[in-house]
Amino acid sequence: MNNALHYAQTRYTCKAYDPNRKIGDDNLTALLEMLRLAPSSINIQPWQFLVTDKSETKTLISQATTGNDAHNAPKILNASHIIVLCTRTDVDNQHLMSVLESEKAAGRFASDEIMQARLELCQHYILQMASDNQKLIHWAENQTFIALGHLLLSASLLGIDATPIGGYDAAVLDASLGLADKGLKSSVLVALGYAADNDNNRRLPKARLDMAQVIKFI
């Protein structure tokens, strides 16, 4: 327990990356597998994660950081890898069946009747939101942000520095990557790699509100 707490206490948001340090294949594979295993409501997994270490793709992504967001461009350009965490704009039956088939393959259903009951429960849950597409997208995007938190702590466990980036023009980025045609919208970017020597944030003490201010027993 104390070892797990150590990673929460020492994790920080990287502000400057060393462009010469790259994440090794083994660590990247482990990190992406940990991200794949992120939890979501009713296990719906309404996401797709776009990963790149290509300079030309990072340059394309950085073009969505202009004006007040321009300070994020160097993080994107110098990081080892960028992940664009995308949310599905429609949770349709095809996606739902993909989820259920993966659950079946994993051995979660003792019978076809149990699988059918699970399908009907999920359909009922999603149908309640389907009449309001914005409500459905908001719920789905909340799941993507759960995956974001899972990713940040996972990176810390592997000794990889990370930066969540919400400061970008989503309309520009989504158009550049053709996300609408794929039934996706970008929700947040994450830069991954290793801090540069001039990343002063790594030297600052961690600061959070006191326990008594944020934790209440009721």
Protein backbone atom coordinates (compact mmCIF):
# COMPACT_ATOMS: atom_id res chain seq x y z
CA MET A 1 0.00 0.00 0.00
CA ASN A 2 2.77 2.44 0.91
CA ASN A 3 4.50 1.68 -2.39
CA ALA A 4 1.30 2.48 -4.34
CA LEU A 5 0.92 5.72 -2.38
CA HIS A 6 4.47 6.69 -3.36
CA TYR A 7 3.50 6.88 -7.04
CA ALA A 8 0.52 9.10 -6.30
CA GLN A 9 2.72 11.37 -4.18
CA THR A 10 5.51 11.65 -6.76
CA ARG A 11 3.50 11.80 -10.01
CA TYR A 12 3.51 15.27 -11.56
CA THR A 13 2.63 16.95 -14.84
CA CYS A 14 5.65 17.26 -17.11
CA LYS A 15 6.08 20.74 -18.60
CA ALA A 16 9.09 20.14 -20.89
CA TYR A 17 10.24 16.98 -22.65
CA ASP A 18 13.66 15.72 -23.71
CA PRO A 19 13.25 15.18 -27.48
CA ASN A 20 16.15 12.72 -27.50
CA ARG A 21 14.63 10.23 -25.06
CA LYS A 22 12.12 7.74 -26.42
CA ILE A 23 9.86 5.28 -24.65
CA GLY A 24 11.10 1.72 -25.18
CA ASP A 25 8.90 -0.81 -26.96
CA ASP A 26 8.37 -2.94 -23.85
CA ASN A 27 7.27 0.02 -21.73
CA LEU A 28 5.02 1.36 -24.50
CA THR A 29 3.37 -2.03 -24.96
CA ALA A 30 2.80 -2.32 -21.21
CA LEU A 31 1.39 1.19 -20.99
CA LEU A 32 -1.02 0.68 -23.88
CA GLU A 33 -2.19 -2.61 -22.40
CA MET A 34 -2.83 -0.85 -19.07
CA LEU A 35 -4.80 1.80 -20.96
CA ARG A 36 -6.81 -0.89 -22.76
CA LEU A 37 -7.77 -2.29 -19.36
CA ALA A 38 -9.20 1.02 -18.11
CA PRO A 39 -12.63 0.74 -16.47
CA SER A 40 -15.83 2.22 -17.87
CA SER A 41 -19.53 2.27 -17.00
CA ILE A 42 -21.19 -1.03 -17.98
CA ASN A 43 -17.81 -1.88 -19.56
CA ILE A 44 -18.92 0.09 -22.62
CA GLN A 45 -15.40 1.29 -23.62
CA PRO A 46 -16.74 4.10 -25.85
CA TRP A 47 -13.31 5.17 -26.99
CA GLN A 48 -10.45 4.85 -29.40
CA PHE A 49 -6.88 5.84 -28.59
CA LEU A 50 -4.75 7.25 -31.43
CA VAL A 51 -1.03 6.85 -30.74
CA THR A 52 1.88 8.39 -32.61
CA ASP A 53 5.59 8.98 -32.35
CA LYS A 54 5.90 10.32 -35.91
CA SER A 55 7.27 13.84 -36.22
CA GLU A 56 4.92 14.74 -39.06
CA THR A 57 1.86 13.60 -37.09
CA LYS A 58 2.97 15.43 -33.96
CA THR A 59 3.44 18.54 -36.09
CA LEU A 60 -0.09 18.13 -37.44
CA ILE A 61 -1.48 17.77 -33.91
CA SER A 62 0.50 20.79 -32.68
CA GLN A 63 -1.21 22.98 -35.29
CA ALA A 64 -4.35 22.78 -33.13
CA THR A 65 -2.48 24.59 -30.34
CA THR A 66 -2.55 28.27 -31.27
CA GLY A 67 -3.23 31.55 -29.49
CA ASN A 68 -3.53 31.01 -25.74
CA ASP A 69 -2.81 27.31 -26.26
CA ALA A 70 0.48 27.82 -28.14
CA HIS A 71 2.51 26.95 -25.03
CA ASN A 72 1.40 23.32 -25.46
CA ALA A 73 3.01 22.93 -28.89
CA PRO A 74 6.56 22.21 -27.63
CA LYS A 75 5.26 19.48 -25.33
CA ILE A 76 3.59 17.79 -28.30
CA LEU A 77 6.59 18.18 -30.59
CA ASN A 78 9.25 17.07 -28.08
CA ALA A 79 7.42 14.23 -26.35
CA SER A 80 8.26 10.67 -27.26
CA HIS A 81 4.64 9.80 -27.99
CA ILE A 82 1.26 11.52 -28.17
CA ILE A 83 -2.03 9.80 -27.48
CA VAL A 84 -5.27 11.38 -28.68
CA LEU A 85 -8.01 10.00 -26.45
CA CYS A 86 -11.15 9.96 -28.58
CA THR A 87 -14.77 9.36 -27.64
CA ARG A 88 -17.36 7.65 -29.81
CA THR A 89 -20.12 10.03 -30.86
CA ASP A 90 -22.62 7.18 -31.07
CA VAL A 91 -22.79 4.01 -29.00
CA ASP A 92 -24.62 1.80 -31.49
CA ASN A 93 -25.56 -1.89 -31.45
CA GLN A 94 -22.52 -2.82 -33.50
CA HIS A 95 -20.20 -1.43 -30.84
CA LEU A 96 -22.28 -2.93 -28.06
CA MET A 97 -22.13 -6.37 -29.69
CA SER A 98 -18.35 -6.07 -30.02
CA VAL A 99 -18.17 -5.48 -26.26
CA LEU A 100 -20.45 -8.43 -25.52
CA GLU A 101 -18.58 -10.75 -27.88
CA SER A 102 -15.33 -9.87 -26.09
CA GLU A 103 -17.01 -10.62 -22.76
CA LYS A 104 -18.27 -13.93 -24.14
CA ALA A 105 -14.80 -14.85 -25.38
CA ALA A 106 -13.42 -14.08 -21.93
CA GLY A 107 -15.88 -16.53 -20.41
CA ARG A 108 -18.12 -14.09 -18.59
CA PHE A 109 -21.39 -15.73 -19.67
CA ALA A 110 -22.40 -19.16 -18.42
CA SER A 111 -25.16 -19.38 -21.03
CA ASP A 112 -26.60 -17.61 -24.07
CA GLU A 113 -29.54 -16.54 -21.88
CA ILE A 114 -27.23 -14.66 -19.54
CA MET A 115 -25.57 -12.95 -22.49
CA GLN A 116 -28.99 -11.95 -23.87
CA ALA A 117 -30.02 -10.53 -20.49
CA ARG A 118 -26.79 -8.53 -20.40
CA LEU A 119 -27.47 -7.21 -23.92
CA GLU A 120 -30.98 -6.12 -23.01
CA LEU A 121 -29.78 -4.40 -19.84
CA CYS A 122 -27.13 -2.42 -21.75
CA GLN A 123 -29.57 -1.52 -24.52
CA HIS A 124 -32.09 -0.27 -21.96
CA TYR A 125 -29.41 1.80 -20.21
CA ILE A 126 -28.17 3.38 -23.43
CA LEU A 127 -31.67 3.84 -24.86
CA GLN A 128 -32.53 6.11 -21.93
CA MET A 129 -29.92 8.57 -23.22
CA ALA A 130 -30.24 7.96 -26.95
CA SER A 131 -33.00 10.55 -27.47
CA ASP A 132 -30.54 13.24 -26.39
CA ASN A 133 -27.33 12.70 -28.32
CA GLN A 134 -25.47 15.33 -26.29
CA LYS A 135 -26.35 13.53 -23.08
CA LEU A 136 -25.09 10.27 -24.59
CA ILE A 137 -21.83 11.89 -25.74
CA HIS A 138 -21.36 13.54 -22.34
CA TRP A 139 -21.78 10.17 -20.60
CA ALA A 140 -19.44 8.48 -23.06
CA GLU A 141 -16.83 11.21 -22.70
CA ASN A 142 -16.93 10.84 -18.92
CA GLN A 143 -15.74 7.27 -19.48
CA THR A 144 -12.84 8.55 -21.59
CA PHE A 145 -11.74 10.80 -18.75
CA ILE A 146 -11.75 7.77 -16.44
CA ALA A 147 -9.32 6.20 -18.92
CA LEU A 148 -7.24 9.39 -18.78
CA GLY A 149 -6.77 9.07 -15.01
CA HIS A 150 -5.94 5.38 -15.43
CA LEU A 151 -3.33 6.29 -18.06
CA LEU A 152 -1.65 8.98 -15.95
CA LEU A 153 -1.15 6.72 -12.94
CA SER A 154 -0.09 3.82 -15.18
CA ALA A 155 2.59 6.02 -16.76
CA SER A 156 3.88 6.94 -13.31
CA LEU A 157 4.12 3.26 -12.35
CA LEU A 158 6.29 2.66 -15.44
CA GLY A 159 8.53 5.68 -14.81
CA ILE A 160 7.13 7.56 -17.81
CA ASP A 161 6.38 11.27 -17.59
CA ALA A 162 3.01 12.47 -18.84
CA THR A 163 1.06 15.64 -19.58
CA PRO A 164 -2.70 15.77 -20.09
CA ILE A 165 -3.47 18.52 -22.61
CA GLY A 166 -6.94 19.99 -22.90
CA GLY A 167 -5.71 23.29 -24.30
CA TYR A 168 -6.15 22.81 -28.05
CA ASP A 169 -8.71 23.63 -30.72
CA ALA A 170 -10.77 20.44 -30.94
CA ALA A 171 -12.50 21.52 -34.15
CA VAL A 172 -9.14 22.00 -35.89
CA LEU A 173 -7.67 18.75 -34.61
CA ASP A 174 -10.77 16.66 -35.31
CA ALA A 175 -10.92 17.99 -38.87
CA SER A 176 -7.19 17.36 -39.43
CA LEU A 177 -7.52 13.74 -38.28
CA GLY A 178 -10.89 13.16 -39.99
CA LEU A 179 -12.42 12.04 -36.72
CA ALA A 180 -16.05 12.84 -37.60
CA ASP A 181 -15.93 10.36 -40.49
CA LYS A 182 -14.82 7.72 -37.98
CA GLY A 183 -17.63 8.50 -35.54
CA LEU A 184 -15.19 10.00 -33.05
CA LYS A 185 -14.37 13.27 -31.32
CA SER A 186 -11.15 14.12 -29.53
CA SER A 187 -11.55 14.54 -25.77
CA VAL A 188 -8.02 15.13 -24.49
CA LEU A 189 -4.39 14.73 -25.57
CA VAL A 190 -1.64 13.12 -23.52
CA ALA A 191 2.05 13.73 -24.12
CA LEU A 192 4.34 10.93 -22.94
CA GLY A 193 8.09 10.67 -22.59
CA TYR A 194 10.81 11.83 -20.25
CA ALA A 195 11.33 15.25 -18.71
CA ALA A 196 13.99 17.62 -19.96
CA ASP A 197 16.52 19.07 -17.55
CA ASN A 198 14.76 22.45 -17.75
CA ASP A 199 11.42 21.05 -16.57
CA ASN A 200 11.19 23.06 -13.36
CA ASN A 201 7.84 21.56 -12.40
CA ARG A 202 9.57 18.29 -11.44
CA ARG A 203 11.51 20.15 -8.74
CA LEU A 204 8.51 21.79 -7.12
CA PRO A 205 6.78 20.20 -4.13
CA LYS A 206 3.40 18.60 -4.76
CA ALA A 207 0.49 20.69 -3.51
CA ARG A 208 -3.09 19.63 -2.84
CA LEU A 209 -5.85 20.80 -0.53
CA ASP A 210 -5.72 19.33 2.99
CA MET A 211 -7.38 15.97 3.60
CA ALA A 212 -10.02 17.57 5.83
CA GLN A 213 -11.05 19.92 3.02
CA VAL A 214 -11.67 17.26 0.38
CA ILE A 215 -12.56 14.13 2.35
CA LYS A 216 -15.71 14.06 4.48
CA PHE A 217 -17.05 11.00 6.30
CA ILE A 218 -20.85 10.97 6.27
